[in-house]
Amino acid sequence: MTVPASPGTVERYLTEHLARGPLHFTLIDPDKSPGERAAGIARGAVALGSDAILLGGSTGISRDVMGRAATAIRAAVSVPVIIFPEGPGSLAPEANAVLFMSMLNSRNLNLVIRVHAQAAPAVRAMGLEPIPLGYLVIAPGMRVGEVGQADPVPRDDLAAATGYALAAQYLGMRYVYLEAGSGAPAPVPVPMVRAVREVLSIPLVVGGGIRSGDDAGPLLAAGASVLVTGTVTEEEGLGDGFRSILAEVRRARGG
């Protein structure tokens, strides 16, 4: 009998911190904020309480651009730097880990599993820690839904969302991510987050359209384990919107 691989260093860090309450990840696009600029955003975000840095966002991010941003950020902060990949070409050994994620509702089988088979040897060779994750695009889906050739889950279809999420867990994925899309006019609906949380026993990540504490609070109350924000920092920097989101995360932790 084969014993499943145990979680690595980054996943243990996340598990330990999740035991204390929900987390916040700051998503930085290294094409829009390269190198030291990315490090400056990360430094400020972590000082305000963000728990990890995700690197990704644009299509076609090169390994060099990703690597320079990861190197600068790791020199600036002590939290994990995790690649949010758009393809094998964006992988870089300078990061700590990669979201090894299957786009569950893509019509393109490459994004469900084939590209993962291509990327797995590179992930191993680079020493990146893979974090198995089921990625589910929720309407409107925005650019990620278009590029990912997804059939976005309608915002009122709780049965579809819970079915996909539970299937991901049963397949052995250790996180589920509900994604409304970068720049979405509204976050994933609260009733959907609550319904998915009720069936899962693994952490639930929610991203897209979260611009303020007013958005974040209900998602956390509904059971989101991790909130991911990126657009708010691109548009407003580490201003009131970002700070109010972090305040809600701290409140949900009881802090």
C-alpha atoms as a PDB file:
ATOM      1  CA  MET A   1       0.000   0.000   0.000  1.00  0.00           C
ATOM      2  CA  THR A   2       1.354   3.425  -0.954  1.00  0.00           C
ATOM      3  CA  VAL A   3       1.325   6.037   1.788  1.00  0.00           C
ATOM      4  CA  PRO A   4       0.194   9.472   0.505  1.00  0.00           C
ATOM      5  CA  ALA A   5       2.787  12.206   0.620  1.00  0.00           C
ATOM      6  CA  SER A   6       2.515  14.286   3.756  1.00  0.00           C
ATOM      7  CA  PRO A   7       2.011  18.054   3.542  1.00  0.00           C
ATOM      8  CA  GLY A   8       5.164  20.102   3.126  1.00  0.00           C
ATOM      9  CA  THR A   9       6.489  23.097   5.005  1.00  0.00           C
ATOM     10  CA  VAL A  10       4.177  25.733   3.502  1.00  0.00           C
ATOM     11  CA  GLU A  11       1.063  23.634   3.905  1.00  0.00           C
ATOM     12  CA  ARG A  12       1.971  22.908   7.526  1.00  0.00           C
ATOM     13  CA  TYR A  13       2.389  26.652   8.071  1.00  0.00           C
ATOM     14  CA  LEU A  14      -1.062  27.279   6.600  1.00  0.00           C
ATOM     15  CA  THR A  15      -2.641  24.487   8.633  1.00  0.00           C
ATOM     16  CA  GLU A  16      -1.124  25.759  11.862  1.00  0.00           C
ATOM     17  CA  HIS A  17      -2.311  29.301  11.194  1.00  0.00           C
ATOM     18  CA  LEU A  18      -5.775  28.173  10.091  1.00  0.00           C
ATOM     19  CA  ALA A  19      -6.157  26.504  13.480  1.00  0.00           C
ATOM     20  CA  ARG A  20      -6.236  30.045  14.911  1.00  0.00           C
ATOM     21  CA  GLY A  21      -8.799  31.389  12.429  1.00  0.00           C
ATOM     22  CA  PRO A  22      -9.164  32.533   8.822  1.00  0.00           C
ATOM     23  CA  LEU A  23      -6.262  33.796   6.732  1.00  0.00           C
ATOM     24  CA  HIS A  24      -5.634  36.464   4.131  1.00  0.00           C
ATOM     25  CA  PHE A  25      -3.491  36.118   1.008  1.00  0.00           C
ATOM     26  CA  THR A  26      -2.295  39.125  -0.983  1.00  0.00           C
ATOM     27  CA  LEU A  27      -2.175  38.479  -4.730  1.00  0.00           C
ATOM     28  CA  ILE A  28       0.529  40.418  -6.582  1.00  0.00           C
ATOM     29  CA  ASP A  29       0.901  40.451 -10.361  1.00  0.00           C
ATOM     30  CA  PRO A  30       4.677  40.542 -11.046  1.00  0.00           C
ATOM     31  CA  ASP A  31       4.106  41.898 -14.544  1.00  0.00           C
ATOM     32  CA  LYS A  32       2.322  44.954 -13.133  1.00  0.00           C
ATOM     33  CA  SER A  33       4.448  45.162  -9.964  1.00  0.00           C
ATOM     34  CA  PRO A  34       7.869  43.703 -10.751  1.00  0.00           C
ATOM     35  CA  GLY A  35      10.795  43.035  -8.458  1.00  0.00           C
ATOM     36  CA  GLU A  36      11.270  45.571  -5.704  1.00  0.00           C
ATOM     37  CA  ARG A  37       7.844  47.087  -6.270  1.00  0.00           C
ATOM     38  CA  ALA A  38       6.311  43.686  -5.529  1.00  0.00           C
ATOM     39  CA  ALA A  39       8.500  43.457  -2.431  1.00  0.00           C
ATOM     40  CA  GLY A  40       7.236  46.835  -1.227  1.00  0.00           C
ATOM     41  CA  ILE A  41       3.607  45.765  -1.570  1.00  0.00           C
ATOM     42  CA  ALA A  42       4.332  42.490   0.191  1.00  0.00           C
ATOM     43  CA  ARG A  43       6.160  44.231   3.028  1.00  0.00           C
ATOM     44  CA  GLY A  44       3.246  46.584   3.636  1.00  0.00           C
ATOM     45  CA  ALA A  45       0.631  43.846   3.312  1.00  0.00           C
ATOM     46  CA  VAL A  46       2.369  41.553   5.782  1.00  0.00           C
ATOM     47  CA  ALA A  47       2.836  44.419   8.232  1.00  0.00           C
ATOM     48  CA  LEU A  48      -0.951  44.869   8.118  1.00  0.00           C
ATOM     49  CA  GLY A  49      -1.541  41.173   8.796  1.00  0.00           C
ATOM     50  CA  SER A  50      -1.594  39.318   5.458  1.00  0.00           C
ATOM     51  CA  ASP A  51      -0.525  35.693   5.931  1.00  0.00           C
ATOM     52  CA  ALA A  52       0.967  34.769   2.541  1.00  0.00           C
ATOM     53  CA  ILE A  53       1.818  36.250  -0.832  1.00  0.00           C
ATOM     54  CA  LEU A  54       0.441  34.827  -4.070  1.00  0.00           C
ATOM     55  CA  LEU A  55       2.303  35.669  -7.281  1.00  0.00           C
ATOM     56  CA  GLY A  56       0.332  35.574 -10.525  1.00  0.00           C
ATOM     57  CA  GLY A  57      -2.484  37.250 -12.370  1.00  0.00           C
ATOM     58  CA  SER A  58      -1.453  38.061 -15.920  1.00  0.00           C
ATOM     59  CA  THR A  59      -1.178  35.589 -18.759  1.00  0.00           C
ATOM     60  CA  GLY A  60       2.271  34.962 -20.129  1.00  0.00           C
ATOM     61  CA  ILE A  61       4.294  35.802 -17.008  1.00  0.00           C
ATOM     62  CA  SER A  62       7.829  34.660 -17.724  1.00  0.00           C
ATOM     63  CA  ARG A  63       9.941  32.569 -15.400  1.00  0.00           C
ATOM     64  CA  ASP A  64      12.459  35.417 -15.086  1.00  0.00           C
ATOM     65  CA  VAL A  65       9.818  37.963 -14.063  1.00  0.00           C
ATOM     66  CA  MET A  66       8.293  35.518 -11.594  1.00  0.00           C
ATOM     67  CA  GLY A  67      11.692  34.582 -10.209  1.00  0.00           C
ATOM     68  CA  ARG A  68      12.816  38.173  -9.671  1.00  0.00           C
ATOM     69  CA  ALA A  69       9.607  39.054  -7.864  1.00  0.00           C
ATOM     70  CA  ALA A  70       9.790  35.939  -5.676  1.00  0.00           C
ATOM     71  CA  THR A  71      13.413  36.639  -4.778  1.00  0.00           C
ATOM     72  CA  ALA A  72      12.691  40.251  -3.824  1.00  0.00           C
ATOM     73  CA  ILE A  73       9.617  39.334  -1.785  1.00  0.00           C
ATOM     74  CA  ARG A  74      11.344  36.514   0.094  1.00  0.00           C
ATOM     75  CA  ALA A  75      14.093  38.954   1.043  1.00  0.00           C
ATOM     76  CA  ALA A  76      11.474  41.395   2.348  1.00  0.00           C
ATOM     77  CA  VAL A  77       9.045  39.188   4.295  1.00  0.00           C
ATOM     78  CA  SER A  78       9.034  35.879   6.148  1.00  0.00           C
ATOM     79  CA  VAL A  79       5.626  34.567   5.017  1.00  0.00           C
ATOM     80  CA  PRO A  80       5.336  31.988   2.218  1.00  0.00           C
ATOM     81  CA  VAL A  81       5.555  33.102  -1.401  1.00  0.00           C
ATOM     82  CA  ILE A  82       3.224  30.917  -3.461  1.00  0.00           C
ATOM     83  CA  ILE A  83       2.884  30.894  -7.242  1.00  0.00           C
ATOM     84  CA  PHE A  84      -0.656  31.288  -8.573  1.00  0.00           C
ATOM     85  CA  PRO A  85       0.186  29.731 -11.959  1.00  0.00           C
ATOM     86  CA  GLU A  86      -1.247  30.461 -15.371  1.00  0.00           C
ATOM     87  CA  GLY A  87       0.862  27.747 -16.955  1.00  0.00           C
ATOM     88  CA  PRO A  88       4.161  25.852 -16.678  1.00  0.00           C
ATOM     89  CA  GLY A  89       6.069  28.808 -18.104  1.00  0.00           C
ATOM     90  CA  SER A  90       5.316  30.891 -15.015  1.00  0.00           C
ATOM     91  CA  LEU A  91       6.934  28.445 -12.587  1.00  0.00           C
ATOM     92  CA  ALA A  92      10.093  29.647 -10.841  1.00  0.00           C
ATOM     93  CA  PRO A  93      12.236  27.905  -8.208  1.00  0.00           C
ATOM     94  CA  GLU A  94      12.686  31.126  -6.238  1.00  0.00           C
ATOM     95  CA  ALA A  95       9.157  30.791  -4.762  1.00  0.00           C
ATOM     96  CA  ASN A  96       8.306  28.514  -1.853  1.00  0.00           C
ATOM     97  CA  ALA A  97       5.302  26.704  -3.298  1.00  0.00           C
ATOM     98  CA  VAL A  98       2.778  26.541  -6.132  1.00  0.00           C
ATOM     99  CA  LEU A  99      -0.980  26.146  -6.105  1.00  0.00           C
ATOM    100  CA  PHE A 100      -1.205  22.867  -8.014  1.00  0.00           C
ATOM    101  CA  MET A 101      -4.739  23.572  -9.102  1.00  0.00           C
ATOM    102  CA  SER A 102      -7.198  21.924 -11.427  1.00  0.00           C
ATOM    103  CA  MET A 103      -9.809  24.217 -12.999  1.00  0.00           C
ATOM    104  CA  LEU A 104     -12.740  21.968 -12.224  1.00  0.00           C
ATOM    105  CA  ASN A 105     -15.283  23.517 -14.584  1.00  0.00           C
ATOM    106  CA  SER A 106     -13.081  24.188 -17.600  1.00  0.00           C
ATOM    107  CA  ARG A 107     -14.161  22.786 -20.956  1.00  0.00           C
ATOM    108  CA  ASN A 108     -10.463  22.456 -21.792  1.00  0.00           C
ATOM    109  CA  LEU A 109      -9.087  19.152 -20.520  1.00  0.00           C
ATOM    110  CA  ASN A 110      -5.599  20.692 -20.522  1.00  0.00           C
ATOM    111  CA  LEU A 111      -6.599  22.907 -17.603  1.00  0.00           C
ATOM    112  CA  VAL A 112      -8.282  20.066 -15.759  1.00  0.00           C
ATOM    113  CA  ILE A 113      -5.302  17.679 -15.805  1.00  0.00           C
ATOM    114  CA  ARG A 114      -3.091  17.575 -18.931  1.00  0.00           C
ATOM    115  CA  VAL A 115      -1.010  20.683 -18.216  1.00  0.00           C
ATOM    116  CA  HIS A 116      -0.474  19.344 -14.706  1.00  0.00           C
ATOM    117  CA  ALA A 117       1.131  16.227 -16.112  1.00  0.00           C
ATOM    118  CA  GLN A 118       3.440  18.451 -18.159  1.00  0.00           C
ATOM    119  CA  ALA A 119       4.270  20.701 -15.211  1.00  0.00           C
ATOM    120  CA  ALA A 120       4.708  18.069 -12.489  1.00  0.00           C
ATOM    121  CA  PRO A 121       8.295  17.118 -13.389  1.00  0.00           C
ATOM    122  CA  ALA A 122       9.286  20.806 -13.422  1.00  0.00           C
ATOM    123  CA  VAL A 123       7.650  21.383 -10.043  1.00  0.00           C
ATOM    124  CA  ARG A 124       9.636  18.477  -8.642  1.00  0.00           C
ATOM    125  CA  ALA A 125      12.901  19.555 -10.249  1.00  0.00           C
ATOM    126  CA  MET A 126      12.520  23.131  -8.971  1.00  0.00           C
ATOM    127  CA  GLY A 127      11.820  21.983  -5.428  1.00  0.00           C
ATOM    128  CA  LEU A 128       8.511  23.838  -5.336  1.00  0.00           C
ATOM    129  CA  GLU A 129       6.013  22.544  -2.815  1.00  0.00           C
ATOM    130  CA  PRO A 130       2.767  21.618  -4.626  1.00  0.00           C
ATOM    131  CA  ILE A 131      -0.456  22.508  -2.826  1.00  0.00           C
ATOM    132  CA  PRO A 132      -3.298  20.416  -4.340  1.00  0.00           C
ATOM    133  CA  LEU A 133      -6.318  22.637  -4.970  1.00  0.00           C
ATOM    134  CA  GLY A 134      -9.639  22.461  -6.788  1.00  0.00           C
ATOM    135  CA  TYR A 135     -10.319  25.758  -8.567  1.00  0.00           C
ATOM    136  CA  LEU A 136     -13.928  26.573  -9.374  1.00  0.00           C
ATOM    137  CA  VAL A 137     -14.925  29.604 -11.448  1.00  0.00           C
ATOM    138  CA  ILE A 138     -18.148  31.288 -10.310  1.00  0.00           C
ATOM    139  CA  ALA A 139     -20.089  33.713 -12.518  1.00  0.00           C
ATOM    140  CA  PRO A 140     -19.209  36.206 -13.852  1.00  0.00           C
ATOM    141  CA  GLY A 141     -15.754  34.604 -14.000  1.00  0.00           C
ATOM    142  CA  MET A 142     -14.223  37.640 -15.715  1.00  0.00           C
ATOM    143  CA  ARG A 143     -10.987  37.190 -17.648  1.00  0.00           C
ATOM    144  CA  VAL A 144      -9.971  33.958 -15.894  1.00  0.00           C
ATOM    145  CA  GLY A 145     -13.221  32.345 -16.995  1.00  0.00           C
ATOM    146  CA  GLU A 146     -12.624  33.383 -20.594  1.00  0.00           C
ATOM    147  CA  VAL A 147      -8.986  32.312 -20.725  1.00  0.00           C
ATOM    148  CA  GLY A 148      -9.778  29.139 -18.803  1.00  0.00           C
ATOM    149  CA  GLN A 149     -12.674  28.253 -21.130  1.00  0.00           C
ATOM    150  CA  ALA A 150     -14.797  27.726 -18.051  1.00  0.00           C
ATOM    151  CA  ASP A 151     -18.517  27.166 -17.775  1.00  0.00           C
ATOM    152  CA  PRO A 152     -18.923  29.483 -14.751  1.00  0.00           C
ATOM    153  CA  VAL A 153     -21.195  28.156 -12.031  1.00  0.00           C
ATOM    154  CA  PRO A 154     -24.302  30.385 -11.910  1.00  0.00           C
ATOM    155  CA  ARG A 155     -24.412  32.472  -8.761  1.00  0.00           C
ATOM    156  CA  ASP A 156     -27.624  30.844  -7.577  1.00  0.00           C
ATOM    157  CA  ASP A 157     -26.636  27.235  -8.370  1.00  0.00           C
ATOM    158  CA  LEU A 158     -25.606  26.082  -4.905  1.00  0.00           C
ATOM    159  CA  ALA A 159     -25.998  22.413  -5.832  1.00  0.00           C
ATOM    160  CA  ALA A 160     -23.429  22.676  -8.631  1.00  0.00           C
ATOM    161  CA  ALA A 161     -20.936  24.507  -6.416  1.00  0.00           C
ATOM    162  CA  THR A 162     -21.264  22.029  -3.563  1.00  0.00           C
ATOM    163  CA  GLY A 163     -21.021  19.089  -5.953  1.00  0.00           C
ATOM    164  CA  TYR A 164     -17.802  20.340  -7.552  1.00  0.00           C
ATOM    165  CA  ALA A 165     -16.299  21.214  -4.177  1.00  0.00           C
ATOM    166  CA  LEU A 166     -17.126  17.882  -2.595  1.00  0.00           C
ATOM    167  CA  ALA A 167     -15.810  16.026  -5.643  1.00  0.00           C
ATOM    168  CA  ALA A 168     -12.505  17.919  -5.314  1.00  0.00           C
ATOM    169  CA  GLN A 169     -12.248  16.862  -1.680  1.00  0.00           C
ATOM    170  CA  TYR A 170     -13.065  13.242  -2.517  1.00  0.00           C
ATOM    171  CA  LEU A 171     -10.388  13.282  -5.217  1.00  0.00           C
ATOM    172  CA  GLY A 172      -7.849  14.172  -2.537  1.00  0.00           C
ATOM    173  CA  MET A 173      -7.407  17.893  -3.157  1.00  0.00           C
ATOM    174  CA  ARG A 174      -6.574  19.685   0.072  1.00  0.00           C
ATOM    175  CA  TYR A 175      -8.084  23.100  -0.714  1.00  0.00           C
ATOM    176  CA  VAL A 176     -11.073  24.346  -2.708  1.00  0.00           C
ATOM    177  CA  TYR A 177     -11.008  27.828  -4.254  1.00  0.00           C
ATOM    178  CA  LEU A 178     -14.199  29.666  -5.284  1.00  0.00           C
ATOM    179  CA  GLU A 179     -13.195  32.347  -7.808  1.00  0.00           C
ATOM    180  CA  ALA A 180     -15.516  35.122  -8.995  1.00  0.00           C
ATOM    181  CA  GLY A 181     -12.719  36.527 -11.162  1.00  0.00           C
ATOM    182  CA  SER A 182     -10.280  39.397 -10.782  1.00  0.00           C
ATOM    183  CA  GLY A 183     -12.164  42.697 -10.907  1.00  0.00           C
ATOM    184  CA  ALA A 184     -15.571  41.025 -10.509  1.00  0.00           C
ATOM    185  CA  PRO A 185     -18.317  43.518  -9.614  1.00  0.00           C
ATOM    186  CA  ALA A 186     -19.246  41.437  -6.551  1.00  0.00           C
ATOM    187  CA  PRO A 187     -17.686  38.562  -4.596  1.00  0.00           C
ATOM    188  CA  VAL A 188     -18.855  34.957  -4.608  1.00  0.00           C
ATOM    189  CA  PRO A 189     -22.389  34.969  -3.125  1.00  0.00           C
ATOM    190  CA  VAL A 190     -22.516  34.454   0.632  1.00  0.00           C
ATOM    191  CA  PRO A 191     -25.158  31.671   0.409  1.00  0.00           C
ATOM    192  CA  MET A 192     -22.850  29.740  -1.936  1.00  0.00           C
ATOM    193  CA  VAL A 193     -19.900  30.093   0.434  1.00  0.00           C
ATOM    194  CA  ARG A 194     -22.061  28.901   3.313  1.00  0.00           C
ATOM    195  CA  ALA A 195     -23.410  25.921   1.344  1.00  0.00           C
ATOM    196  CA  VAL A 196     -19.940  24.811   0.229  1.00  0.00           C
ATOM    197  CA  ARG A 197     -18.520  25.240   3.719  1.00  0.00           C
ATOM    198  CA  GLU A 198     -21.238  22.983   5.138  1.00  0.00           C
ATOM    199  CA  VAL A 199     -20.162  20.020   2.993  1.00  0.00           C
ATOM    200  CA  LEU A 200     -16.382  20.453   3.110  1.00  0.00           C
ATOM    201  CA  SER A 201     -13.900  19.326   5.725  1.00  0.00           C
ATOM    202  CA  ILE A 202     -10.951  21.018   3.964  1.00  0.00           C
ATOM    203  CA  PRO A 203     -10.130  24.748   3.818  1.00  0.00           C
ATOM    204  CA  LEU A 204     -12.227  26.952   1.548  1.00  0.00           C
ATOM    205  CA  VAL A 205     -10.508  29.799  -0.317  1.00  0.00           C
ATOM    206  CA  VAL A 206     -12.593  32.654  -1.734  1.00  0.00           C
ATOM    207  CA  GLY A 207     -11.396  35.330  -4.151  1.00  0.00           C
ATOM    208  CA  GLY A 208     -12.589  37.880  -6.686  1.00  0.00           C
ATOM    209  CA  GLY A 209     -14.551  41.071  -6.140  1.00  0.00           C
ATOM    210  CA  ILE A 210     -13.551  41.569  -2.493  1.00  0.00           C
ATOM    211  CA  ARG A 211     -12.874  45.273  -2.124  1.00  0.00           C
ATOM    212  CA  SER A 212     -13.762  46.188   1.451  1.00  0.00           C
ATOM    213  CA  GLY A 213     -14.507  44.965   4.924  1.00  0.00           C
ATOM    214  CA  ASP A 214     -18.193  45.069   4.029  1.00  0.00           C
ATOM    215  CA  ASP A 215     -17.469  42.416   1.402  1.00  0.00           C
ATOM    216  CA  ALA A 216     -15.096  40.409   3.571  1.00  0.00           C
ATOM    217  CA  GLY A 217     -17.097  40.169   6.794  1.00  0.00           C
ATOM    218  CA  PRO A 218     -20.078  38.193   5.426  1.00  0.00           C
ATOM    219  CA  LEU A 219     -17.795  35.802   3.515  1.00  0.00           C
ATOM    220  CA  LEU A 220     -15.843  35.049   6.675  1.00  0.00           C
ATOM    221  CA  ALA A 221     -19.033  34.617   8.684  1.00  0.00           C
ATOM    222  CA  ALA A 222     -20.264  32.172   6.031  1.00  0.00           C
ATOM    223  CA  GLY A 223     -17.172  30.031   6.508  1.00  0.00           C
ATOM    224  CA  ALA A 224     -14.430  31.197   4.152  1.00  0.00           C
ATOM    225  CA  SER A 225     -11.096  29.904   5.469  1.00  0.00           C
ATOM    226  CA  VAL A 226      -8.920  32.148   3.289  1.00  0.00           C
ATOM    227  CA  LEU A 227      -9.671  35.404   1.492  1.00  0.00           C
ATOM    228  CA  VAL A 228      -7.589  36.388  -1.538  1.00  0.00           C
ATOM    229  CA  THR A 229      -7.435  39.995  -2.705  1.00  0.00           C
ATOM    230  CA  GLY A 230      -5.467  41.510  -5.557  1.00  0.00           C
ATOM    231  CA  THR A 231      -7.435  44.119  -7.492  1.00  0.00           C
ATOM    232  CA  VAL A 232      -8.011  46.287  -4.427  1.00  0.00           C
ATOM    233  CA  THR A 233      -4.264  46.764  -3.923  1.00  0.00           C
ATOM    234  CA  GLU A 234      -3.678  47.370  -7.647  1.00  0.00           C
ATOM    235  CA  GLU A 235      -6.381  50.059  -7.724  1.00  0.00           C
ATOM    236  CA  GLU A 236      -6.039  51.619  -4.263  1.00  0.00           C
ATOM    237  CA  GLY A 237      -2.747  50.414  -2.830  1.00  0.00           C
ATOM    238  CA  LEU A 238      -2.712  49.444   0.832  1.00  0.00           C
ATOM    239  CA  GLY A 239      -5.446  51.935   1.596  1.00  0.00           C
ATOM    240  CA  ASP A 240      -8.729  51.922   3.455  1.00  0.00           C
ATOM    241  CA  GLY A 241     -10.283  49.095   1.458  1.00  0.00           C
ATOM    242  CA  PHE A 242      -7.370  46.725   2.012  1.00  0.00           C
ATOM    243  CA  ARG A 243      -7.042  47.682   5.667  1.00  0.00           C
ATOM    244  CA  SER A 244     -10.752  47.133   6.299  1.00  0.00           C
ATOM    245  CA  ILE A 245     -10.496  43.628   4.794  1.00  0.00           C
ATOM    246  CA  LEU A 246      -7.606  42.778   7.098  1.00  0.00           C
ATOM    247  CA  ALA A 247      -9.556  44.184  10.038  1.00  0.00           C
ATOM    248  CA  GLU A 248     -12.403  41.775   9.276  1.00  0.00           C
ATOM    249  CA  VAL A 249      -9.974  38.843   9.108  1.00  0.00           C
ATOM    250  CA  ARG A 250      -8.552  39.802  12.499  1.00  0.00           C
ATOM    251  CA  ARG A 251     -12.072  40.161  13.895  1.00  0.00           C
ATOM    252  CA  ALA A 252     -13.004  36.715  12.626  1.00  0.00           C
ATOM    253  CA  ARG A 253      -9.962  35.320  14.437  1.00  0.00           C
ATOM    254  CA  GLY A 254     -11.182  36.921  17.613  1.00  0.00           C
ATOM    255  CA  GLY A 255      -8.311  39.398  17.611  1.00  0.00           C
END
